[in-house]
Amino acid sequence: MKTLITLILSLVATTAMAQATKKAPAKKAAPAAQTVPADAPSQPYQPAQGTRAGNNKFARNYGLAGCGLGSVIIDKRGAQIFASTTNGTFSNQMTGISAGSLNCIDSASSEVAGRMDQFILVNKDQLQGDIAKGSGETIEVLADVMGCQGNKAAVGAALKNNYNTIFDSNVPANEITDSIISTIKVDGNLSSQCKKLS
């Protein structure tokens, strides 16, 4: 058993070091099927005056494998199978959650973000089209999840204005979620009206 654990830790450490030392690849042009529609805004979303854009950035310190020792060793954009294996091998997520360590510090927004991640994993393509339009069924569902039921049109407009930031190349679902939540939080009106993100 010790040999297996040592082997896994060596593999995880080697993978983490390789990811840390490799250079970031140059951005490729988006394929024709994923280009930004002509009516999508070309400038990133600018919050209304009186908002605190820098203070409301939402980002989790872990990837799709969740918090735990794996999230400390493996970057959130790294191979999440190794992070998940590390978490499972050492059974440390419960300890991290109880102690508030190992990146297991959650806010009310984190619970909502987890639900959004699952929805976005299944509906990413439709969501991308709806955000480009500024309206649609997927935006309405996400607005409900965030507690913005009366403000679906405003949510759609804010997400449309921030399209290029939300869908910055091929990002995983959890980073799309983080960008959507950040977009809502930097808007003074939406941040106060979307009750589940408080």
Foldseek 3Di string as FASTA:
>chain_A
DVVVVVVLVVVLQVQLVVVVPDDDDDDDDDPPVQDQDPQFDPDAFDADPPFDLVVQQFDAQAAPLDFDQLSVSAGNPGDSVSSNVVCVVVVGPVVCCVVVDRSNPDDLQVVLLVVQLVVCVVCVVVVLVQLSVLHDDVLCVNLVSLQNNVCSSVLSVLSSNRSCVLCVDDDHSSSSSSVSSSSQRRHPVSVVRRPSND
